[in-house]
Structure formats: C-alpha cells, structure tokens
Amino acid sequence: MYRTTVLWMRGTIAFVWGFTNTIVCCIPFFTIAILKLIIPITVWKKGCSKALIEIASSWIFINSFGLKLLHHIHWEVEGLEELSNHQWYIVISNHQSWTDIIVLQTIFYRKIPFLKFFLKKELIWVPLLGLVWWALDYPFMKRYSRTFIEKNPHLKGKDIEITRKACEKFKQLPVSIMNFVEGTRFTPEKYQKQRSPYANLLKPKAGGIAFVLAAMGEQLNSILNVTIVYPEGTKNIWNFLCGEVRRIKVHIEIIPITADLLGDYFEDANFQKQFQEWVNQIWIRKDQRIYQMLGVPQELNNLGPLPSILDCNPLNKN
C-alpha cells in the first residue's frame, strides 16, 4: 500500500510538472507563432522558426530535468557519438508505448535537429495543434490515392512535388523527420492479428519512409535506425511517470542514404517490392538486436553488413 501511494504521488508530481511547463512555454510560443503568421517576411519567419524550436527544445529539457529529479533511470544508449545537430536525418524506430516519444526526445536532445513528423495536409486545421505544427515547420504532405490518380492522370506526381516544395525551408535549416515504421504501438493483440513473422515487432510499413525519401532524399544525410528496449517490460506512460521504468536501453544504427533508395514507391511496382523487402531486412536485424539487448541467446547474432536494396530483389540475383 505504501509503495503504491509513493508511486501515485510521483506520477502526480511528474504530470503537474509537465503540465505547468507546457502552460508556461505556450505563452511565448503562441505569441511568436502568431507574429510569424501575420508578418510575411522570409527573414522574419526564419528567425521566428528558430525561436520556436528553442522554446520547444527548452520544453523538452525542463520535462527531462523534472523526470531526472523524480526518477532514477539507468540509461544504456549506443550510437550517439557520430551524430550532429547540423545534419539532416530520418529517424525510424520500433514503437511499444507513448514513453518511446519521451525516450527519443531525451536521448536526441541537442544531438540531432528537433524531431518532426510528416503530417497529412488536413491536420493543419486541428485547433491549436495545427498552429503548433505549422509554427514548428512540421512538413504537411498531400497524398493522392491511386483511384484519384487514375481519374485525374494529370496530377500524377503532384503530391510528391507539393510535399517537396513544403520542405524547401529545410535546405537552410537542418531537420530530423521521425517515423514509427510499424504505424502503431506494439500490443499482443495487434501482434496476433497481424500474424507478424517477427518475434518482437509488428510488420513494418515501408510507404512512409519511401514518401519522405522521395520528397527529401537529396537533402537527408542518413537514416537513424533506433531500437528501444525496456528490460523490465514495457510500461504505459502513467507507469513511466510514476517511476516504474528503471532501465532503458537504446541502440542507434546509422544507415547511409544511397541512390537506390530513391524511387517512386507508389507507382513503380518493382521498386515498391525491392524497397519493402529492404525494410523487412532492417526489421529482421532489429528483431535480432532486441534479443541481444535483452540478453537472450540467439543463434543469429552476427548481423553483418546491411544489404543494398537491390540485393533484396530476387530478380537481381543470379
């Protein structure tokens, strides 16, 4: 009973800390966001964007500092050494809990550019959040369905073109684009429903990565393949705030972006097959990596070099 009370109090304090921090940061954030919106001067907008990212980064720092005061988490993070805050990245990761987002924000703080997500263009109209995403220069994408393209063939490729133009600002301002490749959080129910071929992961969805690479591939430097493991078991966000997560292990693999990763995933069936298989190979490696990080003996522990996307296509093999 005593332990439960202490955990509940820690969780409440952590929640109040984060909520108060959010309210305080929102005042200057929305002030600058509105000024950015109403003053259409490029230099001014760029300056506002930098200021807004600094406020958002401060919000992350204060949240992390509060959790550090309240909880004693043992972090084991591999792969941060070669990262730079002045490079362009796409970050992919396994997804088990909303805690993953806090983990990513914490380990990458000031190590790489501020994490951003590709969002559907319609989401810009979401009250308050739409303004936040716009102010932070989250890239809004427009995707036409295959059926729509068949009825309007003159619009073929326009969605990529529109998204690429939306990303023009990132040529001067480094960015990290985040993508949870599984598309949803891992749960036993989802795992069983999918009949996933992996032991610790859901099936990866390659379309999101392919779209980002098609829109920004020439600007991005590397793919950061992140594997997150909770050795004591996955906890939900409330358990995390209560201090029930005491160990977190993270491995970061840097994957170079090569020319064979840039293609039309949605219209080129051959490229789509190659790209999906290439992502599947990454997921096989990640599945093995999770076993290693958990200390579970596996026969297939030699990961070896990451194959080229072309090596994953049976048609290219003798």
C-alpha atoms as a PDB file:
ATOM      1  CA  MET A   1       0.000   0.000   0.000  1.00  0.00           C
ATOM      2  CA  TYR A   2       2.817   2.399   0.940  1.00  0.00           C
ATOM      3  CA  ARG A   3       4.702   1.708  -2.321  1.00  0.00           C
ATOM      4  CA  THR A   4       1.538   2.245  -4.380  1.00  0.00           C
ATOM      5  CA  THR A   5       0.926   5.588  -2.664  1.00  0.00           C
ATOM      6  CA  VAL A   6       4.506   6.734  -3.286  1.00  0.00           C
ATOM      7  CA  LEU A   7       4.309   5.752  -6.964  1.00  0.00           C
ATOM      8  CA  TRP A   8       0.989   7.539  -7.370  1.00  0.00           C
ATOM      9  CA  MET A   9       2.407  10.690  -5.754  1.00  0.00           C
ATOM     10  CA  ARG A  10       5.459  10.600  -8.051  1.00  0.00           C
ATOM     11  CA  GLY A  11       3.221  10.211 -11.077  1.00  0.00           C
ATOM     12  CA  THR A  12       1.019  13.119  -9.991  1.00  0.00           C
ATOM     13  CA  ILE A  13       4.016  15.387  -9.356  1.00  0.00           C
ATOM     14  CA  ALA A  14       5.544  14.427 -12.732  1.00  0.00           C
ATOM     15  CA  PHE A  15       2.242  15.143 -14.501  1.00  0.00           C
ATOM     16  CA  VAL A  16       1.808  18.523 -12.761  1.00  0.00           C
ATOM     17  CA  TRP A  17       5.439  19.391 -13.601  1.00  0.00           C
ATOM     18  CA  GLY A  18       4.895  18.622 -17.291  1.00  0.00           C
ATOM     19  CA  PHE A  19       1.521  20.358 -17.412  1.00  0.00           C
ATOM     20  CA  THR A  20       2.860  23.522 -15.750  1.00  0.00           C
ATOM     21  CA  ASN A  21       5.885  23.519 -18.051  1.00  0.00           C
ATOM     22  CA  THR A  22       3.571  23.247 -21.067  1.00  0.00           C
ATOM     23  CA  ILE A  23       1.380  26.169 -19.948  1.00  0.00           C
ATOM     24  CA  VAL A  24       4.405  28.392 -19.247  1.00  0.00           C
ATOM     25  CA  CYS A  25       6.068  27.569 -22.586  1.00  0.00           C
ATOM     26  CA  CYS A  26       2.816  28.072 -24.521  1.00  0.00           C
ATOM     27  CA  ILE A  27       2.669  31.793 -23.679  1.00  0.00           C
ATOM     28  CA  PRO A  28       5.830  32.855 -25.581  1.00  0.00           C
ATOM     29  CA  PHE A  29       5.336  30.063 -28.125  1.00  0.00           C
ATOM     30  CA  PHE A  30       1.920  31.163 -29.336  1.00  0.00           C
ATOM     31  CA  THR A  31       2.925  34.830 -29.195  1.00  0.00           C
ATOM     32  CA  ILE A  32       5.811  34.210 -31.601  1.00  0.00           C
ATOM     33  CA  ALA A  33       3.724  31.779 -33.686  1.00  0.00           C
ATOM     34  CA  ILE A  34       1.050  34.430 -34.281  1.00  0.00           C
ATOM     35  CA  LEU A  35       3.686  37.033 -35.164  1.00  0.00           C
ATOM     36  CA  LYS A  36       5.206  34.554 -37.613  1.00  0.00           C
ATOM     37  CA  LEU A  37       1.777  34.031 -39.149  1.00  0.00           C
ATOM     38  CA  ILE A  38       0.862  37.703 -39.623  1.00  0.00           C
ATOM     39  CA  ILE A  39       4.236  39.108 -40.759  1.00  0.00           C
ATOM     40  CA  PRO A  40       5.012  37.637 -44.217  1.00  0.00           C
ATOM     41  CA  ILE A  41       8.730  38.422 -44.359  1.00  0.00           C
ATOM     42  CA  THR A  42      11.051  35.481 -45.118  1.00  0.00           C
ATOM     43  CA  VAL A  43      13.899  36.557 -42.806  1.00  0.00           C
ATOM     44  CA  TRP A  44      11.411  37.253 -40.006  1.00  0.00           C
ATOM     45  CA  LYS A  45       9.714  33.862 -40.445  1.00  0.00           C
ATOM     46  CA  LYS A  46      13.081  32.096 -40.380  1.00  0.00           C
ATOM     47  CA  GLY A  47      14.026  33.900 -37.162  1.00  0.00           C
ATOM     48  CA  CYS A  48      10.668  33.022 -35.616  1.00  0.00           C
ATOM     49  CA  SER A  49      11.113  29.376 -36.599  1.00  0.00           C
ATOM     50  CA  LYS A  50      14.463  29.239 -34.802  1.00  0.00           C
ATOM     51  CA  ALA A  51      12.979  30.899 -31.707  1.00  0.00           C
ATOM     52  CA  LEU A  52      10.043  28.475 -31.671  1.00  0.00           C
ATOM     53  CA  ILE A  53      12.343  25.467 -31.913  1.00  0.00           C
ATOM     54  CA  GLU A  54      14.371  26.862 -28.988  1.00  0.00           C
ATOM     55  CA  ILE A  55      11.188  27.150 -26.905  1.00  0.00           C
ATOM     56  CA  ALA A  56      10.139  23.615 -27.833  1.00  0.00           C
ATOM     57  CA  SER A  57      13.651  22.349 -27.026  1.00  0.00           C
ATOM     58  CA  SER A  58      13.531  24.125 -23.660  1.00  0.00           C
ATOM     59  CA  TRP A  59      10.187  22.439 -23.004  1.00  0.00           C
ATOM     60  CA  ILE A  60      11.833  19.047 -23.626  1.00  0.00           C
ATOM     61  CA  PHE A  61      14.813  19.924 -21.408  1.00  0.00           C
ATOM     62  CA  ILE A  62      12.635  21.030 -18.483  1.00  0.00           C
ATOM     63  CA  ASN A  63      10.443  17.928 -18.774  1.00  0.00           C
ATOM     64  CA  SER A  64      13.525  15.685 -18.840  1.00  0.00           C
ATOM     65  CA  PHE A  65      15.085  17.549 -15.907  1.00  0.00           C
ATOM     66  CA  GLY A  66      11.934  17.067 -13.834  1.00  0.00           C
ATOM     67  CA  LEU A  67      11.840  13.341 -14.566  1.00  0.00           C
ATOM     68  CA  LYS A  68      15.527  13.076 -13.679  1.00  0.00           C
ATOM     69  CA  LEU A  69      14.840  14.677 -10.293  1.00  0.00           C
ATOM     70  CA  LEU A  70      11.894  12.381  -9.593  1.00  0.00           C
ATOM     71  CA  HIS A  71      13.140   9.095 -11.029  1.00  0.00           C
ATOM     72  CA  HIS A  72      16.419   7.204 -11.144  1.00  0.00           C
ATOM     73  CA  ILE A  73      16.570   5.659 -14.622  1.00  0.00           C
ATOM     74  CA  HIS A  74      19.623   3.723 -15.770  1.00  0.00           C
ATOM     75  CA  TRP A  75      20.190   4.626 -19.421  1.00  0.00           C
ATOM     76  CA  GLU A  76      22.248   2.488 -21.810  1.00  0.00           C
ATOM     77  CA  VAL A  77      22.492   4.294 -25.144  1.00  0.00           C
ATOM     78  CA  GLU A  78      24.750   3.219 -28.005  1.00  0.00           C
ATOM     79  CA  GLY A  79      25.412   5.130 -31.218  1.00  0.00           C
ATOM     80  CA  LEU A  80      25.195   8.817 -30.271  1.00  0.00           C
ATOM     81  CA  GLU A  81      28.876   9.549 -30.874  1.00  0.00           C
ATOM     82  CA  GLU A  82      28.767  10.245 -34.621  1.00  0.00           C
ATOM     83  CA  LEU A  83      25.572  12.310 -34.657  1.00  0.00           C
ATOM     84  CA  SER A  84      25.425  16.030 -35.368  1.00  0.00           C
ATOM     85  CA  ASN A  85      22.931  18.796 -34.711  1.00  0.00           C
ATOM     86  CA  HIS A  86      23.846  20.205 -38.137  1.00  0.00           C
ATOM     87  CA  GLN A  87      22.886  17.175 -40.247  1.00  0.00           C
ATOM     88  CA  TRP A  88      19.605  16.100 -41.867  1.00  0.00           C
ATOM     89  CA  TYR A  89      18.150  12.764 -40.704  1.00  0.00           C
ATOM     90  CA  ILE A  90      15.166  10.461 -40.992  1.00  0.00           C
ATOM     91  CA  VAL A  91      14.655   8.592 -37.714  1.00  0.00           C
ATOM     92  CA  ILE A  92      12.894   5.212 -37.637  1.00  0.00           C
ATOM     93  CA  SER A  93      12.111   3.214 -34.512  1.00  0.00           C
ATOM     94  CA  ASN A  94      10.144   0.347 -33.044  1.00  0.00           C
ATOM     95  CA  HIS A  95       7.091   1.525 -31.078  1.00  0.00           C
ATOM     96  CA  GLN A  96       5.823  -0.007 -27.825  1.00  0.00           C
ATOM     97  CA  SER A  97       4.432   2.871 -25.774  1.00  0.00           C
ATOM     98  CA  TRP A  98       3.967   6.653 -25.790  1.00  0.00           C
ATOM     99  CA  THR A  99       7.002   6.540 -23.490  1.00  0.00           C
ATOM    100  CA  ASP A 100       9.043   5.955 -26.666  1.00  0.00           C
ATOM    101  CA  ILE A 101       8.499   9.587 -27.679  1.00  0.00           C
ATOM    102  CA  ILE A 102       9.879  10.835 -24.358  1.00  0.00           C
ATOM    103  CA  VAL A 103      12.839   8.462 -24.749  1.00  0.00           C
ATOM    104  CA  LEU A 104      13.601   9.755 -28.256  1.00  0.00           C
ATOM    105  CA  GLN A 105      13.266  13.402 -27.213  1.00  0.00           C
ATOM    106  CA  THR A 106      15.579  12.802 -24.244  1.00  0.00           C
ATOM    107  CA  ILE A 107      18.398  10.904 -25.952  1.00  0.00           C
ATOM    108  CA  PHE A 108      18.449  13.116 -29.054  1.00  0.00           C
ATOM    109  CA  TYR A 109      18.253  16.443 -27.191  1.00  0.00           C
ATOM    110  CA  ARG A 110      20.856  18.738 -28.807  1.00  0.00           C
ATOM    111  CA  LYS A 111      22.378  15.696 -30.528  1.00  0.00           C
ATOM    112  CA  ILE A 112      20.365  15.989 -33.741  1.00  0.00           C
ATOM    113  CA  PRO A 113      17.913  18.618 -35.056  1.00  0.00           C
ATOM    114  CA  PHE A 114      14.489  18.883 -33.421  1.00  0.00           C
ATOM    115  CA  LEU A 115      12.340  15.819 -34.203  1.00  0.00           C
ATOM    116  CA  LYS A 116       9.436  16.423 -36.593  1.00  0.00           C
ATOM    117  CA  PHE A 117       6.750  14.279 -38.175  1.00  0.00           C
ATOM    118  CA  PHE A 118       5.295  14.303 -41.684  1.00  0.00           C
ATOM    119  CA  LEU A 119       1.607  15.139 -41.279  1.00  0.00           C
ATOM    120  CA  LYS A 120      -1.389  14.912 -43.567  1.00  0.00           C
ATOM    121  CA  LYS A 121      -2.222  18.328 -45.003  1.00  0.00           C
ATOM    122  CA  GLU A 122      -5.738  18.250 -43.487  1.00  0.00           C
ATOM    123  CA  LEU A 123      -4.280  18.196 -39.953  1.00  0.00           C
ATOM    124  CA  ILE A 124      -3.233  21.829 -40.229  1.00  0.00           C
ATOM    125  CA  TRP A 125      -6.858  22.699 -39.351  1.00  0.00           C
ATOM    126  CA  VAL A 126      -6.773  20.894 -35.979  1.00  0.00           C
ATOM    127  CA  PRO A 127      -7.453  23.581 -33.312  1.00  0.00           C
ATOM    128  CA  LEU A 128      -4.275  24.826 -31.539  1.00  0.00           C
ATOM    129  CA  LEU A 129      -2.195  21.780 -32.548  1.00  0.00           C
ATOM    130  CA  GLY A 130      -2.419  22.748 -36.208  1.00  0.00           C
ATOM    131  CA  LEU A 131      -0.850  26.107 -35.353  1.00  0.00           C
ATOM    132  CA  VAL A 132       1.832  24.407 -33.233  1.00  0.00           C
ATOM    133  CA  TRP A 133       2.769  22.023 -36.064  1.00  0.00           C
ATOM    134  CA  TRP A 134       2.751  24.824 -38.625  1.00  0.00           C
ATOM    135  CA  ALA A 135       4.802  27.113 -36.388  1.00  0.00           C
ATOM    136  CA  LEU A 136       7.405  24.384 -35.844  1.00  0.00           C
ATOM    137  CA  ASP A 137       7.583  23.837 -39.616  1.00  0.00           C
ATOM    138  CA  TYR A 138       6.289  20.285 -39.497  1.00  0.00           C
ATOM    139  CA  PRO A 139       6.086  19.195 -43.148  1.00  0.00           C
ATOM    140  CA  PHE A 140       2.488  18.757 -44.303  1.00  0.00           C
ATOM    141  CA  MET A 141       2.128  16.199 -47.077  1.00  0.00           C
ATOM    142  CA  LYS A 142      -0.604  15.727 -49.660  1.00  0.00           C
ATOM    143  CA  ARG A 143      -1.258  12.168 -50.803  1.00  0.00           C
ATOM    144  CA  TYR A 144      -3.488  11.363 -53.758  1.00  0.00           C
ATOM    145  CA  SER A 145      -4.959   7.849 -53.807  1.00  0.00           C
ATOM    146  CA  ARG A 146      -4.295   5.510 -56.731  1.00  0.00           C
ATOM    147  CA  THR A 147      -8.000   5.708 -57.668  1.00  0.00           C
ATOM    148  CA  PHE A 148      -7.902   9.520 -57.683  1.00  0.00           C
ATOM    149  CA  ILE A 149      -4.796   9.498 -59.901  1.00  0.00           C
ATOM    150  CA  GLU A 150      -6.490   7.101 -62.326  1.00  0.00           C
ATOM    151  CA  LYS A 151      -9.366   9.576 -62.670  1.00  0.00           C
ATOM    152  CA  ASN A 152      -7.019  12.578 -62.812  1.00  0.00           C
ATOM    153  CA  PRO A 153      -3.816  11.361 -64.531  1.00  0.00           C
ATOM    154  CA  HIS A 154      -2.557  14.929 -64.998  1.00  0.00           C
ATOM    155  CA  LEU A 155      -1.990  15.070 -61.206  1.00  0.00           C
ATOM    156  CA  LYS A 156       0.399  12.110 -61.188  1.00  0.00           C
ATOM    157  CA  GLY A 157       3.473  13.009 -59.123  1.00  0.00           C
ATOM    158  CA  LYS A 158       1.925  16.273 -57.901  1.00  0.00           C
ATOM    159  CA  ASP A 159       1.695  15.049 -54.287  1.00  0.00           C
ATOM    160  CA  ILE A 160       5.455  14.481 -54.099  1.00  0.00           C
ATOM    161  CA  GLU A 161       6.059  17.819 -55.826  1.00  0.00           C
ATOM    162  CA  ILE A 162       3.816  19.685 -53.342  1.00  0.00           C
ATOM    163  CA  THR A 163       5.486  17.998 -50.367  1.00  0.00           C
ATOM    164  CA  ARG A 164       8.942  18.684 -51.775  1.00  0.00           C
ATOM    165  CA  LYS A 165       8.110  22.383 -52.066  1.00  0.00           C
ATOM    166  CA  ALA A 166       6.830  22.353 -48.475  1.00  0.00           C
ATOM    167  CA  CYS A 167      10.251  21.032 -47.443  1.00  0.00           C
ATOM    168  CA  GLU A 168      12.220  23.747 -49.270  1.00  0.00           C
ATOM    169  CA  LYS A 169      12.856  25.586 -45.983  1.00  0.00           C
ATOM    170  CA  PHE A 170      14.841  22.590 -44.711  1.00  0.00           C
ATOM    171  CA  LYS A 171      17.641  23.282 -47.178  1.00  0.00           C
ATOM    172  CA  GLN A 172      18.903  26.005 -44.846  1.00  0.00           C
ATOM    173  CA  LEU A 173      17.569  24.633 -41.561  1.00  0.00           C
ATOM    174  CA  PRO A 174      18.569  21.047 -40.594  1.00  0.00           C
ATOM    175  CA  VAL A 175      15.733  18.716 -39.630  1.00  0.00           C
ATOM    176  CA  SER A 176      15.088  15.231 -38.254  1.00  0.00           C
ATOM    177  CA  ILE A 177      11.981  13.503 -39.612  1.00  0.00           C
ATOM    178  CA  MET A 178      10.529  10.856 -37.268  1.00  0.00           C
ATOM    179  CA  ASN A 179       8.669   7.761 -38.485  1.00  0.00           C
ATOM    180  CA  PHE A 180       7.340   4.847 -36.425  1.00  0.00           C
ATOM    181  CA  VAL A 181       7.537   2.269 -39.205  1.00  0.00           C
ATOM    182  CA  GLU A 182       5.090  -0.177 -37.615  1.00  0.00           C
ATOM    183  CA  GLY A 183       2.425   2.531 -37.822  1.00  0.00           C
ATOM    184  CA  THR A 184       1.061   1.787 -34.347  1.00  0.00           C
ATOM    185  CA  ARG A 185       2.154   0.653 -30.887  1.00  0.00           C
ATOM    186  CA  PHE A 186       3.057  -2.988 -30.365  1.00  0.00           C
ATOM    187  CA  THR A 187       0.489  -4.966 -28.370  1.00  0.00           C
ATOM    188  CA  PRO A 188      -0.026  -8.757 -28.102  1.00  0.00           C
ATOM    189  CA  GLU A 189      -3.465  -8.338 -29.693  1.00  0.00           C
ATOM    190  CA  LYS A 190      -2.105  -6.477 -32.736  1.00  0.00           C
ATOM    191  CA  TYR A 191       0.761  -8.954 -32.969  1.00  0.00           C
ATOM    192  CA  GLN A 192      -1.602 -11.918 -33.096  1.00  0.00           C
ATOM    193  CA  LYS A 193      -3.959 -10.193 -35.534  1.00  0.00           C
ATOM    194  CA  GLN A 194      -1.113  -9.393 -37.938  1.00  0.00           C
ATOM    195  CA  ARG A 195       0.492 -12.832 -37.575  1.00  0.00           C
ATOM    196  CA  SER A 196       3.776 -10.960 -37.580  1.00  0.00           C
ATOM    197  CA  PRO A 197       6.785 -13.000 -38.731  1.00  0.00           C
ATOM    198  CA  TYR A 198       8.958 -11.193 -36.161  1.00  0.00           C
ATOM    199  CA  ALA A 199       9.321 -12.214 -32.527  1.00  0.00           C
ATOM    200  CA  ASN A 200       9.321  -8.709 -31.013  1.00  0.00           C
ATOM    201  CA  LEU A 201       7.886  -6.424 -33.692  1.00  0.00           C
ATOM    202  CA  LEU A 202       4.855  -5.722 -35.825  1.00  0.00           C
ATOM    203  CA  LYS A 203       5.163  -5.744 -39.610  1.00  0.00           C
ATOM    204  CA  PRO A 204       6.928  -2.640 -40.969  1.00  0.00           C
ATOM    205  CA  LYS A 205       5.161  -0.295 -43.378  1.00  0.00           C
ATOM    206  CA  ALA A 206       7.580   0.985 -45.986  1.00  0.00           C
ATOM    207  CA  GLY A 207       5.358   3.627 -47.631  1.00  0.00           C
ATOM    208  CA  GLY A 208       6.005   6.376 -45.094  1.00  0.00           C
ATOM    209  CA  ILE A 209       9.791   6.124 -45.337  1.00  0.00           C
ATOM    210  CA  ALA A 210       9.626   5.895 -49.125  1.00  0.00           C
ATOM    211  CA  PHE A 211       7.484   9.050 -49.287  1.00  0.00           C
ATOM    212  CA  VAL A 212       9.923  11.019 -47.079  1.00  0.00           C
ATOM    213  CA  LEU A 213      12.878   9.852 -49.156  1.00  0.00           C
ATOM    214  CA  ALA A 214      11.094  10.748 -52.406  1.00  0.00           C
ATOM    215  CA  ALA A 215      10.317  14.236 -51.098  1.00  0.00           C
ATOM    216  CA  MET A 216      13.567  14.969 -49.234  1.00  0.00           C
ATOM    217  CA  GLY A 217      16.052  12.253 -50.152  1.00  0.00           C
ATOM    218  CA  GLU A 218      18.585  14.625 -51.687  1.00  0.00           C
ATOM    219  CA  GLN A 219      18.586  16.772 -48.534  1.00  0.00           C
ATOM    220  CA  LEU A 220      18.808  13.971 -45.949  1.00  0.00           C
ATOM    221  CA  ASN A 221      22.214  12.687 -44.846  1.00  0.00           C
ATOM    222  CA  SER A 222      21.362   9.423 -43.090  1.00  0.00           C
ATOM    223  CA  ILE A 223      18.683   7.149 -41.682  1.00  0.00           C
ATOM    224  CA  LEU A 224      18.905   6.597 -37.923  1.00  0.00           C
ATOM    225  CA  ASN A 225      17.577   3.136 -37.112  1.00  0.00           C
ATOM    226  CA  VAL A 226      16.649   3.270 -33.412  1.00  0.00           C
ATOM    227  CA  THR A 227      15.877   0.210 -31.286  1.00  0.00           C
ATOM    228  CA  ILE A 228      14.292   0.849 -27.870  1.00  0.00           C
ATOM    229  CA  VAL A 229      14.136  -1.864 -25.199  1.00  0.00           C
ATOM    230  CA  TYR A 230      12.678  -1.825 -21.692  1.00  0.00           C
ATOM    231  CA  PRO A 231      14.445  -4.757 -19.946  1.00  0.00           C
ATOM    232  CA  GLU A 232      11.893  -4.825 -17.109  1.00  0.00           C
ATOM    233  CA  GLY A 233       8.977  -4.888 -19.538  1.00  0.00           C
ATOM    234  CA  THR A 234       7.093  -2.215 -21.473  1.00  0.00           C
ATOM    235  CA  LYS A 235       5.133   0.237 -19.310  1.00  0.00           C
ATOM    236  CA  ASN A 236       2.480   2.761 -20.302  1.00  0.00           C
ATOM    237  CA  ILE A 237       3.048   6.495 -19.954  1.00  0.00           C
ATOM    238  CA  TRP A 238       1.437   6.680 -16.499  1.00  0.00           C
ATOM    239  CA  ASN A 239       3.690   3.869 -15.200  1.00  0.00           C
ATOM    240  CA  PHE A 240       6.644   5.795 -16.599  1.00  0.00           C
ATOM    241  CA  LEU A 241       5.609   8.999 -14.826  1.00  0.00           C
ATOM    242  CA  CYS A 242       5.220   7.008 -11.603  1.00  0.00           C
ATOM    243  CA  GLY A 243       8.833   5.847 -11.846  1.00  0.00           C
ATOM    244  CA  GLU A 244       8.210   2.182 -12.653  1.00  0.00           C
ATOM    245  CA  VAL A 245      10.644   2.266 -15.592  1.00  0.00           C
ATOM    246  CA  ARG A 246      14.124   1.945 -14.111  1.00  0.00           C
ATOM    247  CA  ARG A 247      16.166   0.724 -17.093  1.00  0.00           C
ATOM    248  CA  ILE A 248      16.071   1.831 -20.728  1.00  0.00           C
ATOM    249  CA  LYS A 249      18.351   0.515 -23.459  1.00  0.00           C
ATOM    250  CA  VAL A 250      18.667   2.211 -26.847  1.00  0.00           C
ATOM    251  CA  HIS A 251      20.740   1.278 -29.878  1.00  0.00           C
ATOM    252  CA  ILE A 252      21.210   3.651 -32.829  1.00  0.00           C
ATOM    253  CA  GLU A 253      22.398   2.426 -36.225  1.00  0.00           C
ATOM    254  CA  ILE A 254      23.379   4.936 -38.905  1.00  0.00           C
ATOM    255  CA  ILE A 255      22.293   3.849 -42.399  1.00  0.00           C
ATOM    256  CA  PRO A 256      23.563   5.878 -45.373  1.00  0.00           C
ATOM    257  CA  ILE A 257      21.029   7.100 -47.926  1.00  0.00           C
ATOM    258  CA  THR A 258      22.060   5.832 -51.342  1.00  0.00           C
ATOM    259  CA  ALA A 259      20.638   6.468 -54.809  1.00  0.00           C
ATOM    260  CA  ASP A 260      18.941   3.062 -54.951  1.00  0.00           C
ATOM    261  CA  LEU A 261      16.650   4.122 -52.072  1.00  0.00           C
ATOM    262  CA  LEU A 262      15.154   6.966 -54.096  1.00  0.00           C
ATOM    263  CA  GLY A 263      12.324   5.889 -56.369  1.00  0.00           C
ATOM    264  CA  ASP A 264       8.581   6.015 -56.990  1.00  0.00           C
ATOM    265  CA  TYR A 265       7.234   3.630 -54.357  1.00  0.00           C
ATOM    266  CA  PHE A 266       3.589   4.279 -55.203  1.00  0.00           C
ATOM    267  CA  GLU A 267       3.763   3.917 -58.987  1.00  0.00           C
ATOM    268  CA  ASP A 268       6.752   1.623 -59.626  1.00  0.00           C
ATOM    269  CA  ALA A 269       5.720  -1.904 -58.574  1.00  0.00           C
ATOM    270  CA  ASN A 270       9.245  -3.296 -58.953  1.00  0.00           C
ATOM    271  CA  PHE A 271      10.782  -0.566 -56.800  1.00  0.00           C
ATOM    272  CA  GLN A 272       7.992  -0.999 -54.234  1.00  0.00           C
ATOM    273  CA  LYS A 273       8.783  -4.692 -53.895  1.00  0.00           C
ATOM    274  CA  GLN A 274      12.514  -4.023 -53.564  1.00  0.00           C
ATOM    275  CA  PHE A 275      12.029  -1.240 -51.036  1.00  0.00           C
ATOM    276  CA  GLN A 276       9.592  -3.228 -48.860  1.00  0.00           C
ATOM    277  CA  GLU A 277      12.000  -6.160 -48.791  1.00  0.00           C
ATOM    278  CA  TRP A 278      14.858  -3.806 -47.855  1.00  0.00           C
ATOM    279  CA  VAL A 279      12.797  -2.505 -44.924  1.00  0.00           C
ATOM    280  CA  ASN A 280      11.943  -6.100 -43.973  1.00  0.00           C
ATOM    281  CA  GLN A 281      15.674  -6.851 -43.787  1.00  0.00           C
ATOM    282  CA  ILE A 282      16.153  -3.930 -41.398  1.00  0.00           C
ATOM    283  CA  TRP A 283      13.330  -5.323 -39.263  1.00  0.00           C
ATOM    284  CA  ILE A 284      14.950  -8.785 -39.174  1.00  0.00           C
ATOM    285  CA  ARG A 285      18.111  -7.134 -37.893  1.00  0.00           C
ATOM    286  CA  LYS A 286      16.119  -5.121 -35.355  1.00  0.00           C
ATOM    287  CA  ASP A 287      14.346  -8.259 -34.118  1.00  0.00           C
ATOM    288  CA  GLN A 288      17.729  -9.930 -33.540  1.00  0.00           C
ATOM    289  CA  ARG A 289      19.060  -6.753 -31.938  1.00  0.00           C
ATOM    290  CA  ILE A 290      16.221  -6.717 -29.389  1.00  0.00           C
ATOM    291  CA  TYR A 291      17.121 -10.259 -28.325  1.00  0.00           C
ATOM    292  CA  GLN A 292      20.756  -9.185 -27.924  1.00  0.00           C
ATOM    293  CA  MET A 293      19.816  -6.120 -25.872  1.00  0.00           C
ATOM    294  CA  LEU A 294      17.656  -8.287 -23.611  1.00  0.00           C
ATOM    295  CA  GLY A 295      20.491 -10.783 -23.188  1.00  0.00           C
ATOM    296  CA  VAL A 296      18.536 -13.619 -24.797  1.00  0.00           C
ATOM    297  CA  PRO A 297      20.893 -16.112 -26.550  1.00  0.00           C
ATOM    298  CA  GLN A 298      20.253 -16.313 -30.292  1.00  0.00           C
ATOM    299  CA  GLU A 299      21.920 -18.399 -32.991  1.00  0.00           C
ATOM    300  CA  LEU A 300      21.707 -15.485 -35.444  1.00  0.00           C
ATOM    301  CA  ASN A 301      23.694 -12.864 -33.581  1.00  0.00           C
ATOM    302  CA  ASN A 302      26.044 -11.916 -36.428  1.00  0.00           C
ATOM    303  CA  LEU A 303      24.154  -9.067 -38.043  1.00  0.00           C
ATOM    304  CA  GLY A 304      26.663  -8.490 -40.820  1.00  0.00           C
ATOM    305  CA  PRO A 305      26.558  -5.555 -43.269  1.00  0.00           C
ATOM    306  CA  LEU A 306      23.202  -4.074 -44.239  1.00  0.00           C
ATOM    307  CA  PRO A 307      22.277  -5.252 -47.766  1.00  0.00           C
ATOM    308  CA  SER A 308      21.655  -2.906 -50.645  1.00  0.00           C
ATOM    309  CA  ILE A 309      18.016  -2.512 -51.645  1.00  0.00           C
ATOM    310  CA  LEU A 310      18.938  -4.087 -54.984  1.00  0.00           C
ATOM    311  CA  ASP A 311      20.340  -7.164 -53.209  1.00  0.00           C
ATOM    312  CA  CYS A 312      16.888  -7.728 -51.682  1.00  0.00           C
ATOM    313  CA  ASN A 313      15.243  -8.248 -55.078  1.00  0.00           C
ATOM    314  CA  PRO A 314      15.373 -11.922 -56.173  1.00  0.00           C
ATOM    315  CA  LEU A 315      15.273 -10.774 -59.817  1.00  0.00           C
ATOM    316  CA  ASN A 316      18.718  -9.215 -59.377  1.00  0.00           C
ATOM    317  CA  LYS A 317      20.325 -12.434 -58.105  1.00  0.00           C
ATOM    318  CA  ASN A 318      21.992 -14.999 -60.344  1.00  0.00           C
END
